[in-house]
Full PDB file with SEQRES, HELIX, SHEET, SSBOND, CRYST1, ORIGX, SCALE, CONECT and MASTER records, all heavy atoms in Angstrom:
SEQRES   1 A   36  LEU HIS GLN LEU VAL VAL GLU SER VAL ALA ARG ALA ASN          
SEQRES   2 A   36  ALA SER ILE ILE ASP ALA ALA GLU ASN GLU PRO GLN PHE          
SEQRES   3 A   36  HIS GLY MET GLY THR THR VAL VAL VAL GLY                      
HELIX    1 AA1 HIS A    2  ASN A   22  1                                  21    
HELIX    2 AA2 PRO A   24  PHE A   26  5                                   3    
CRYST1    1.000    1.000    1.000  90.00  90.00  90.00 P 1           1          
ORIGX1      1.000000  0.000000  0.000000        0.00000                         
ORIGX2      0.000000  1.000000  0.000000        0.00000                         
ORIGX3      0.000000  0.000000  1.000000        0.00000                         
SCALE1      1.000000  0.000000  0.000000        0.00000                         
SCALE2      0.000000  1.000000  0.000000        0.00000                         
SCALE3      0.000000  0.000000  1.000000        0.00000                         
ATOM      1  N   LEU A   1    -143.178  17.293 -66.302  1.00  0.00           N  
ATOM      2  CA  LEU A   1    -143.141  18.732 -66.000  1.00  0.00           C  
ATOM      3  C   LEU A   1    -143.613  18.987 -64.540  1.00  0.00           C  
ATOM      4  O   LEU A   1    -143.121  19.768 -63.790  1.00  0.00           O  
ATOM      5  CB  LEU A   1    -144.017  19.451 -67.018  1.00  0.00           C  
ATOM      6  CG  LEU A   1    -143.690  20.956 -67.194  1.00  0.00           C  
ATOM      7  CD1 LEU A   1    -142.287  21.101 -67.808  1.00  0.00           C  
ATOM      8  CD2 LEU A   1    -144.702  21.497 -68.228  1.00  0.00           C  
ATOM      9  N   HIS A   2    -144.769  18.317 -64.205  1.00  0.00           N  
ATOM     10  CA  HIS A   2    -145.314  18.413 -62.888  1.00  0.00           C  
ATOM     11  C   HIS A   2    -144.308  17.957 -61.835  1.00  0.00           C  
ATOM     12  O   HIS A   2    -144.093  18.604 -60.783  1.00  0.00           O  
ATOM     13  CB  HIS A   2    -146.566  17.625 -62.699  1.00  0.00           C  
ATOM     14  CG  HIS A   2    -147.761  18.260 -63.394  1.00  0.00           C  
ATOM     15  ND1 HIS A   2    -148.926  18.487 -62.683  1.00  0.00           N  
ATOM     16  CD2 HIS A   2    -148.022  18.665 -64.614  1.00  0.00           C  
ATOM     17  CE1 HIS A   2    -149.805  19.067 -63.520  1.00  0.00           C  
ATOM     18  NE2 HIS A   2    -149.191  19.140 -64.704  1.00  0.00           N  
ATOM     19  N   GLN A   3    -143.652  16.834 -62.102  1.00  0.00           N  
ATOM     20  CA  GLN A   3    -142.739  16.272 -61.151  1.00  0.00           C  
ATOM     21  C   GLN A   3    -141.503  17.120 -61.064  1.00  0.00           C  
ATOM     22  O   GLN A   3    -140.905  17.255 -59.948  1.00  0.00           O  
ATOM     23  CB  GLN A   3    -142.240  14.830 -61.698  1.00  0.00           C  
ATOM     24  CG  GLN A   3    -143.315  13.801 -61.662  1.00  0.00           C  
ATOM     25  CD  GLN A   3    -142.916  12.544 -62.409  1.00  0.00           C  
ATOM     26  OE1 GLN A   3    -141.943  12.528 -63.226  1.00  0.00           O  
ATOM     27  NE2 GLN A   3    -143.607  11.414 -62.054  1.00  0.00           N  
ATOM     28  N   LEU A   4    -141.080  17.774 -62.112  1.00  0.00           N  
ATOM     29  CA  LEU A   4    -139.945  18.751 -62.050  1.00  0.00           C  
ATOM     30  C   LEU A   4    -140.243  19.912 -61.169  1.00  0.00           C  
ATOM     31  O   LEU A   4    -139.373  20.313 -60.324  1.00  0.00           O  
ATOM     32  CB  LEU A   4    -139.554  19.140 -63.436  1.00  0.00           C  
ATOM     33  CG  LEU A   4    -138.457  20.228 -63.525  1.00  0.00           C  
ATOM     34  CD1 LEU A   4    -137.151  19.756 -62.875  1.00  0.00           C  
ATOM     35  CD2 LEU A   4    -138.136  20.555 -64.990  1.00  0.00           C  
ATOM     36  N   VAL A   5    -141.472  20.478 -61.272  1.00  0.00           N  
ATOM     37  CA  VAL A   5    -141.809  21.594 -60.414  1.00  0.00           C  
ATOM     38  C   VAL A   5    -141.834  21.235 -58.931  1.00  0.00           C  
ATOM     39  O   VAL A   5    -141.274  21.921 -58.118  1.00  0.00           O  
ATOM     40  CB  VAL A   5    -143.152  22.240 -60.892  1.00  0.00           C  
ATOM     41  CG1 VAL A   5    -143.599  23.251 -59.925  1.00  0.00           C  
ATOM     42  CG2 VAL A   5    -143.076  22.799 -62.257  1.00  0.00           C  
ATOM     43  N   VAL A   6    -142.404  20.048 -58.688  1.00  0.00           N  
ATOM     44  CA  VAL A   6    -142.435  19.642 -57.298  1.00  0.00           C  
ATOM     45  C   VAL A   6    -141.046  19.346 -56.797  1.00  0.00           C  
ATOM     46  O   VAL A   6    -140.646  19.699 -55.670  1.00  0.00           O  
ATOM     47  CB  VAL A   6    -143.292  18.318 -57.171  1.00  0.00           C  
ATOM     48  CG1 VAL A   6    -143.105  17.642 -55.830  1.00  0.00           C  
ATOM     49  CG2 VAL A   6    -144.769  18.618 -57.421  1.00  0.00           C  
ATOM     50  N   GLU A   7    -140.172  18.744 -57.603  1.00  0.00           N  
ATOM     51  CA  GLU A   7    -138.803  18.455 -57.259  1.00  0.00           C  
ATOM     52  C   GLU A   7    -138.078  19.747 -56.962  1.00  0.00           C  
ATOM     53  O   GLU A   7    -137.270  19.836 -56.014  1.00  0.00           O  
ATOM     54  CB  GLU A   7    -138.095  17.612 -58.376  1.00  0.00           C  
ATOM     55  CG  GLU A   7    -136.670  17.364 -57.982  1.00  0.00           C  
ATOM     56  CD  GLU A   7    -135.882  16.722 -59.144  1.00  0.00           C  
ATOM     57  OE1 GLU A   7    -136.571  16.175 -60.103  1.00  0.00           O  
ATOM     58  OE2 GLU A   7    -134.668  16.855 -59.193  1.00  0.00           O  
ATOM     59  N   SER A   8    -138.330  20.800 -57.771  1.00  0.00           N  
ATOM     60  CA  SER A   8    -137.584  22.039 -57.551  1.00  0.00           C  
ATOM     61  C   SER A   8    -137.896  22.677 -56.175  1.00  0.00           C  
ATOM     62  O   SER A   8    -137.031  23.182 -55.447  1.00  0.00           O  
ATOM     63  CB  SER A   8    -137.915  23.078 -58.622  1.00  0.00           C  
ATOM     64  OG  SER A   8    -139.203  23.540 -58.597  1.00  0.00           O  
ATOM     65  N   VAL A   9    -139.185  22.607 -55.752  1.00  0.00           N  
ATOM     66  CA  VAL A   9    -139.582  23.066 -54.506  1.00  0.00           C  
ATOM     67  C   VAL A   9    -139.081  22.204 -53.367  1.00  0.00           C  
ATOM     68  O   VAL A   9    -138.610  22.703 -52.276  1.00  0.00           O  
ATOM     69  CB  VAL A   9    -141.143  23.214 -54.361  1.00  0.00           C  
ATOM     70  CG1 VAL A   9    -141.544  23.749 -52.964  1.00  0.00           C  
ATOM     71  CG2 VAL A   9    -141.666  24.238 -55.445  1.00  0.00           C  
ATOM     72  N   ALA A  10    -139.021  20.895 -53.577  1.00  0.00           N  
ATOM     73  CA  ALA A  10    -138.534  20.003 -52.536  1.00  0.00           C  
ATOM     74  C   ALA A  10    -137.028  20.190 -52.284  1.00  0.00           C  
ATOM     75  O   ALA A  10    -136.594  20.123 -51.184  1.00  0.00           O  
ATOM     76  CB  ALA A  10    -138.746  18.513 -52.980  1.00  0.00           C  
ATOM     77  N   ARG A  11    -136.293  20.482 -53.397  1.00  0.00           N  
ATOM     78  CA  ARG A  11    -134.907  20.831 -53.301  1.00  0.00           C  
ATOM     79  C   ARG A  11    -134.698  22.083 -52.499  1.00  0.00           C  
ATOM     80  O   ARG A  11    -133.788  22.205 -51.669  1.00  0.00           O  
ATOM     81  CB  ARG A  11    -134.257  20.956 -54.613  1.00  0.00           C  
ATOM     82  CG  ARG A  11    -133.991  19.666 -55.393  1.00  0.00           C  
ATOM     83  CD  ARG A  11    -133.190  19.957 -56.734  1.00  0.00           C  
ATOM     84  NE  ARG A  11    -132.808  18.815 -57.420  1.00  0.00           N  
ATOM     85  CZ  ARG A  11    -132.056  18.793 -58.534  1.00  0.00           C  
ATOM     86  NH1 ARG A  11    -131.652  19.961 -58.991  1.00  0.00           N  
ATOM     87  NH2 ARG A  11    -131.761  17.667 -59.135  1.00  0.00           N  
ATOM     88  N   ALA A  12    -135.523  23.027 -52.795  1.00  0.00           N  
ATOM     89  CA  ALA A  12    -135.510  24.254 -51.974  1.00  0.00           C  
ATOM     90  C   ALA A  12    -135.706  24.011 -50.485  1.00  0.00           C  
ATOM     91  O   ALA A  12    -135.003  24.607 -49.571  1.00  0.00           O  
ATOM     92  CB  ALA A  12    -136.449  25.296 -52.533  1.00  0.00           C  
ATOM     93  N   ASN A  13    -136.657  23.158 -50.260  1.00  0.00           N  
ATOM     94  CA  ASN A  13    -137.022  22.917 -48.802  1.00  0.00           C  
ATOM     95  C   ASN A  13    -135.763  22.242 -48.155  1.00  0.00           C  
ATOM     96  O   ASN A  13    -135.361  22.656 -47.026  1.00  0.00           O  
ATOM     97  CB  ASN A  13    -138.195  21.855 -48.784  1.00  0.00           C  
ATOM     98  CG  ASN A  13    -138.690  21.570 -47.423  1.00  0.00           C  
ATOM     99  OD1 ASN A  13    -139.104  22.494 -46.726  1.00  0.00           O  
ATOM    100  ND2 ASN A  13    -138.540  20.324 -47.027  1.00  0.00           N  
ATOM    101  N   ALA A  14    -135.169  21.300 -48.821  1.00  0.00           N  
ATOM    102  CA  ALA A  14    -133.952  20.651 -48.253  1.00  0.00           C  
ATOM    103  C   ALA A  14    -132.797  21.578 -48.019  1.00  0.00           C  
ATOM    104  O   ALA A  14    -132.049  21.590 -47.084  1.00  0.00           O  
ATOM    105  CB  ALA A  14    -133.563  19.473 -49.066  1.00  0.00           C  
ATOM    106  N   SER A  15    -132.630  22.477 -48.971  1.00  0.00           N  
ATOM    107  CA  SER A  15    -131.506  23.491 -48.916  1.00  0.00           C  
ATOM    108  C   SER A  15    -131.654  24.362 -47.766  1.00  0.00           C  
ATOM    109  O   SER A  15    -130.732  24.764 -47.065  1.00  0.00           O  
ATOM    110  CB  SER A  15    -131.447  24.240 -50.241  1.00  0.00           C  
ATOM    111  OG  SER A  15    -131.087  23.410 -51.334  1.00  0.00           O  
ATOM    112  N   ILE A  16    -132.925  24.866 -47.520  1.00  0.00           N  
ATOM    113  CA  ILE A  16    -133.155  25.798 -46.426  1.00  0.00           C  
ATOM    114  C   ILE A  16    -132.963  25.070 -45.047  1.00  0.00           C  
ATOM    115  O   ILE A  16    -132.327  25.606 -44.157  1.00  0.00           O  
ATOM    116  CB  ILE A  16    -134.615  26.303 -46.483  1.00  0.00           C  
ATOM    117  CG1 ILE A  16    -134.746  27.182 -47.717  1.00  0.00           C  
ATOM    118  CG2 ILE A  16    -134.957  27.126 -45.211  1.00  0.00           C  
ATOM    119  CD1 ILE A  16    -136.201  27.600 -48.027  1.00  0.00           C  
ATOM    120  N   ILE A  17    -133.420  23.836 -44.946  1.00  0.00           N  
ATOM    121  CA  ILE A  17    -133.217  23.046 -43.713  1.00  0.00           C  
ATOM    122  C   ILE A  17    -131.725  22.819 -43.440  1.00  0.00           C  
ATOM    123  O   ILE A  17    -131.267  22.965 -42.306  1.00  0.00           O  
ATOM    124  CB  ILE A  17    -134.033  21.826 -43.763  1.00  0.00           C  
ATOM    125  CG1 ILE A  17    -135.522  22.069 -43.729  1.00  0.00           C  
ATOM    126  CG2 ILE A  17    -133.620  20.869 -42.536  1.00  0.00           C  
ATOM    127  CD1 ILE A  17    -136.427  20.851 -43.949  1.00  0.00           C  
ATOM    128  N   ASP A  18    -130.971  22.427 -44.464  1.00  0.00           N  
ATOM    129  CA  ASP A  18    -129.576  22.227 -44.358  1.00  0.00           C  
ATOM    130  C   ASP A  18    -128.858  23.530 -43.883  1.00  0.00           C  
ATOM    131  O   ASP A  18    -128.027  23.439 -43.048  1.00  0.00           O  
ATOM    132  CB  ASP A  18    -129.001  21.779 -45.681  1.00  0.00           C  
ATOM    133  CG  ASP A  18    -129.408  20.345 -46.085  1.00  0.00           C  
ATOM    134  OD1 ASP A  18    -129.918  19.644 -45.216  1.00  0.00           O  
ATOM    135  OD2 ASP A  18    -129.249  19.997 -47.243  1.00  0.00           O  
ATOM    136  N   ALA A  19    -129.205  24.605 -44.458  1.00  0.00           N  
ATOM    137  CA  ALA A  19    -128.618  25.833 -44.060  1.00  0.00           C  
ATOM    138  C   ALA A  19    -128.967  26.270 -42.610  1.00  0.00           C  
ATOM    139  O   ALA A  19    -128.115  26.738 -41.863  1.00  0.00           O  
ATOM    140  CB  ALA A  19    -129.147  27.050 -44.977  1.00  0.00           C  
ATOM    141  N   ALA A  20    -130.119  26.015 -42.146  1.00  0.00           N  
ATOM    142  CA  ALA A  20    -130.531  26.231 -40.803  1.00  0.00           C  
ATOM    143  C   ALA A  20    -129.759  25.378 -39.829  1.00  0.00           C  
ATOM    144  O   ALA A  20    -129.429  25.747 -38.781  1.00  0.00           O  
ATOM    145  CB  ALA A  20    -132.009  26.115 -40.670  1.00  0.00           C  
ATOM    146  N   GLU A  21    -129.508  24.179 -40.300  1.00  0.00           N  
ATOM    147  CA  GLU A  21    -128.768  23.154 -39.368  1.00  0.00           C  
ATOM    148  C   GLU A  21    -127.306  23.539 -39.260  1.00  0.00           C  
ATOM    149  O   GLU A  21    -126.682  23.323 -38.244  1.00  0.00           O  
ATOM    150  CB  GLU A  21    -128.953  21.739 -39.906  1.00  0.00           C  
ATOM    151  CG  GLU A  21    -130.400  21.194 -39.784  1.00  0.00           C  
ATOM    152  CD  GLU A  21    -130.526  19.816 -40.331  1.00  0.00           C  
ATOM    153  OE1 GLU A  21    -129.586  19.393 -41.018  1.00  0.00           O  
ATOM    154  OE2 GLU A  21    -131.565  19.222 -40.075  1.00  0.00           O  
ATOM    155  N   ASN A  22    -126.797  24.135 -40.339  1.00  0.00           N  
ATOM    156  CA  ASN A  22    -125.355  24.502 -40.296  1.00  0.00           C  
ATOM    157  C   ASN A  22    -125.081  25.906 -39.721  1.00  0.00           C  
ATOM    158  O   ASN A  22    -123.968  26.194 -39.264  1.00  0.00           O  
ATOM    159  CB  ASN A  22    -124.837  24.460 -41.810  1.00  0.00           C  
ATOM    160  CG  ASN A  22    -124.792  23.095 -42.344  1.00  0.00           C  
ATOM    161  OD1 ASN A  22    -124.545  22.132 -41.598  1.00  0.00           O  
ATOM    162  ND2 ASN A  22    -124.971  22.988 -43.599  1.00  0.00           N  
ATOM    163  N   GLU A  23    -126.128  26.762 -39.663  1.00  0.00           N  
ATOM    164  CA  GLU A  23    -125.987  28.100 -39.161  1.00  0.00           C  
ATOM    165  C   GLU A  23    -127.030  28.367 -38.142  1.00  0.00           C  
ATOM    166  O   GLU A  23    -128.213  28.602 -38.411  1.00  0.00           O  
ATOM    167  CB  GLU A  23    -126.123  29.135 -40.262  1.00  0.00           C  
ATOM    168  CG  GLU A  23    -125.090  29.000 -41.355  1.00  0.00           C  
ATOM    169  CD  GLU A  23    -123.659  29.417 -40.915  1.00  0.00           C  
ATOM    170  OE1 GLU A  23    -123.543  30.101 -39.876  1.00  0.00           O  
ATOM    171  OE2 GLU A  23    -122.679  29.050 -41.592  1.00  0.00           O  
ATOM    172  N   PRO A  24    -126.674  28.340 -36.804  1.00  0.00           N  
ATOM    173  CA  PRO A  24    -127.692  28.429 -35.714  1.00  0.00           C  
ATOM    174  C   PRO A  24    -128.532  29.711 -35.828  1.00  0.00           C  
ATOM    175  O   PRO A  24    -129.667  29.698 -35.403  1.00  0.00           O  
ATOM    176  CB  PRO A  24    -126.839  28.464 -34.414  1.00  0.00           C  
ATOM    177  CG  PRO A  24    -125.570  27.768 -34.839  1.00  0.00           C  
ATOM    178  CD  PRO A  24    -125.325  28.102 -36.252  1.00  0.00           C  
ATOM    179  N   GLN A  25    -127.945  30.828 -36.339  1.00  0.00           N  
ATOM    180  CA  GLN A  25    -128.759  32.041 -36.387  1.00  0.00           C  
ATOM    181  C   GLN A  25    -129.920  31.966 -37.391  1.00  0.00           C  
ATOM    182  O   GLN A  25    -130.786  32.804 -37.342  1.00  0.00           O  
ATOM    183  CB  GLN A  25    -127.836  33.214 -36.826  1.00  0.00           C  
ATOM    184  CG  GLN A  25    -127.302  33.241 -38.172  1.00  0.00           C  
ATOM    185  CD  GLN A  25    -125.951  32.537 -38.326  1.00  0.00           C  
ATOM    186  OE1 GLN A  25    -125.693  31.629 -37.578  1.00  0.00           O  
ATOM    187  NE2 GLN A  25    -125.114  33.006 -39.182  1.00  0.00           N  
ATOM    188  N   PHE A  26    -129.905  30.919 -38.264  1.00  0.00           N  
ATOM    189  CA  PHE A  26    -130.942  30.805 -39.187  1.00  0.00           C  
ATOM    190  C   PHE A  26    -131.997  29.698 -38.698  1.00  0.00           C  
ATOM    191  O   PHE A  26    -132.945  29.451 -39.486  1.00  0.00           O  
ATOM    192  CB  PHE A  26    -130.434  30.311 -40.533  1.00  0.00           C  
ATOM    193  CG  PHE A  26    -129.506  31.300 -41.218  1.00  0.00           C  
ATOM    194  CD1 PHE A  26    -128.399  30.887 -42.013  1.00  0.00           C  
ATOM    195  CD2 PHE A  26    -129.670  32.671 -40.957  1.00  0.00           C  
ATOM    196  CE1 PHE A  26    -127.608  31.815 -42.636  1.00  0.00           C  
ATOM    197  CE2 PHE A  26    -128.822  33.588 -41.585  1.00  0.00           C  
ATOM    198  CZ  PHE A  26    -127.785  33.185 -42.358  1.00  0.00           C  
ATOM    199  N   HIS A  27    -131.895  29.310 -37.463  1.00  0.00           N  
ATOM    200  CA  HIS A  27    -132.822  28.273 -37.012  1.00  0.00           C  
ATOM    201  C   HIS A  27    -134.219  28.897 -36.984  1.00  0.00           C  
ATOM    202  O   HIS A  27    -134.465  29.994 -36.549  1.00  0.00           O  
ATOM    203  CB  HIS A  27    -132.448  27.834 -35.618  1.00  0.00           C  
ATOM    204  CG  HIS A  27    -133.371  26.851 -35.012  1.00  0.00           C  
ATOM    205  ND1 HIS A  27    -133.418  25.549 -35.396  1.00  0.00           N  
ATOM    206  CD2 HIS A  27    -134.340  26.983 -33.987  1.00  0.00           C  
ATOM    207  CE1 HIS A  27    -134.385  24.875 -34.713  1.00  0.00           C  
ATOM    208  NE2 HIS A  27    -134.899  25.760 -33.856  1.00  0.00           N  
ATOM    209  N   GLY A  28    -135.173  28.087 -37.478  1.00  0.00           N  
ATOM    210  CA  GLY A  28    -136.556  28.489 -37.439  1.00  0.00           C  
ATOM    211  C   GLY A  28    -137.021  29.310 -38.734  1.00  0.00           C  
ATOM    212  O   GLY A  28    -138.152  29.667 -38.793  1.00  0.00           O  
ATOM    213  N   MET A  29    -136.148  29.536 -39.677  1.00  0.00           N  
ATOM    214  CA  MET A  29    -136.463  30.260 -40.851  1.00  0.00           C  
ATOM    215  C   MET A  29    -137.345  29.479 -41.811  1.00  0.00           C  
ATOM    216  O   MET A  29    -137.241  28.141 -41.784  1.00  0.00           O  
ATOM    217  CB  MET A  29    -135.243  30.787 -41.538  1.00  0.00           C  
ATOM    218  CG  MET A  29    -134.383  29.794 -42.222  1.00  0.00           C  
ATOM    219  SD  MET A  29    -133.005  30.563 -43.118  1.00  0.00           S  
ATOM    220  CE  MET A  29    -132.093  29.172 -43.790  1.00  0.00           C  
ATOM    221  N   GLY A  30    -138.036  30.025 -42.538  1.00  0.00           N  
ATOM    222  CA  GLY A  30    -138.883  29.379 -43.563  1.00  0.00           C  
ATOM    223  C   GLY A  30    -139.409  30.411 -44.598  1.00  0.00           C  
ATOM    224  O   GLY A  30    -139.158  31.552 -44.485  1.00  0.00           O  
ATOM    225  N   THR A  31    -140.198  29.910 -45.496  1.00  0.00           N  
ATOM    226  CA  THR A  31    -140.702  30.836 -46.554  1.00  0.00           C  
ATOM    227  C   THR A  31    -141.889  30.204 -47.239  1.00  0.00           C  
ATOM    228  O   THR A  31    -142.070  28.973 -47.305  1.00  0.00           O  
ATOM    229  CB  THR A  31    -139.613  31.114 -47.639  1.00  0.00           C  
ATOM    230  OG1 THR A  31    -140.081  32.028 -48.529  1.00  0.00           O  
ATOM    231  CG2 THR A  31    -139.180  29.823 -48.368  1.00  0.00           C  
ATOM    232  N   THR A  32    -142.801  31.070 -47.735  1.00  0.00           N  
ATOM    233  CA  THR A  32    -143.791  30.644 -48.717  1.00  0.00           C  
ATOM    234  C   THR A  32    -143.135  30.468 -50.019  1.00  0.00           C  
ATOM    235  O   THR A  32    -142.101  31.168 -50.270  1.00  0.00           O  
ATOM    236  CB  THR A  32    -144.944  31.616 -48.721  1.00  0.00           C  
ATOM    237  OG1 THR A  32    -144.543  32.802 -49.381  1.00  0.00           O  
ATOM    238  CG2 THR A  32    -145.507  31.973 -47.377  1.00  0.00           C  
ATOM    239  N   VAL A  33    -143.835  29.858 -50.982  1.00  0.00           N  
ATOM    240  CA  VAL A  33    -143.318  29.774 -52.330  1.00  0.00           C  
ATOM    241  C   VAL A  33    -144.541  29.607 -53.224  1.00  0.00           C  
ATOM    242  O   VAL A  33    -145.456  28.835 -52.920  1.00  0.00           O  
ATOM    243  CB  VAL A  33    -142.350  28.594 -52.572  1.00  0.00           C  
ATOM    244  CG1 VAL A  33    -142.158  28.369 -54.090  1.00  0.00           C  
ATOM    245  CG2 VAL A  33    -141.045  28.834 -51.938  1.00  0.00           C  
ATOM    246  N   VAL A  34    -144.518  30.362 -54.405  1.00  0.00           N  
ATOM    247  CA  VAL A  34    -145.465  30.078 -55.473  1.00  0.00           C  
ATOM    248  C   VAL A  34    -144.711  30.090 -56.734  1.00  0.00           C  
ATOM    249  O   VAL A  34    -143.863  30.992 -57.020  1.00  0.00           O  
ATOM    250  CB  VAL A  34    -146.645  31.099 -55.398  1.00  0.00           C  
ATOM    251  CG1 VAL A  34    -146.119  32.467 -55.512  1.00  0.00           C  
ATOM    252  CG2 VAL A  34    -147.677  30.779 -56.531  1.00  0.00           C  
ATOM    253  N   VAL A  35    -144.872  28.975 -57.516  1.00  0.00           N  
ATOM    254  CA  VAL A  35    -144.144  28.851 -58.784  1.00  0.00           C  
ATOM    255  C   VAL A  35    -145.114  28.659 -59.932  1.00  0.00           C  
ATOM    256  O   VAL A  35    -146.064  27.817 -59.830  1.00  0.00           O  
ATOM    257  CB  VAL A  35    -143.229  27.532 -58.757  1.00  0.00           C  
ATOM    258  CG1 VAL A  35    -142.422  27.419 -59.989  1.00  0.00           C  
ATOM    259  CG2 VAL A  35    -142.333  27.603 -57.476  1.00  0.00           C  
ATOM    260  N   GLY A  36    -144.937  29.390 -60.945  1.00  0.00           N  
ATOM    261  CA  GLY A  36    -145.765  29.235 -62.172  1.00  0.00           C  
ATOM    262  C   GLY A  36    -144.936  28.876 -63.403  1.00  0.00           C  
ATOM    263  O   GLY A  36    -143.932  29.607 -63.668  1.00  0.00           O  
TER     264      GLY A  36                                                      
MASTER        0    0    0    2    0    0    0    6  263    1    0    3          
END                                                                             
């Protein structure tokens, strides 16, 4: 369960970076996250 929560945030991290690399206007974007 712990590993799944960490994996879900890690996937989100990779997805945001991929989107920024594919769309220059999104370069430098990021976000906080809290998951319960």
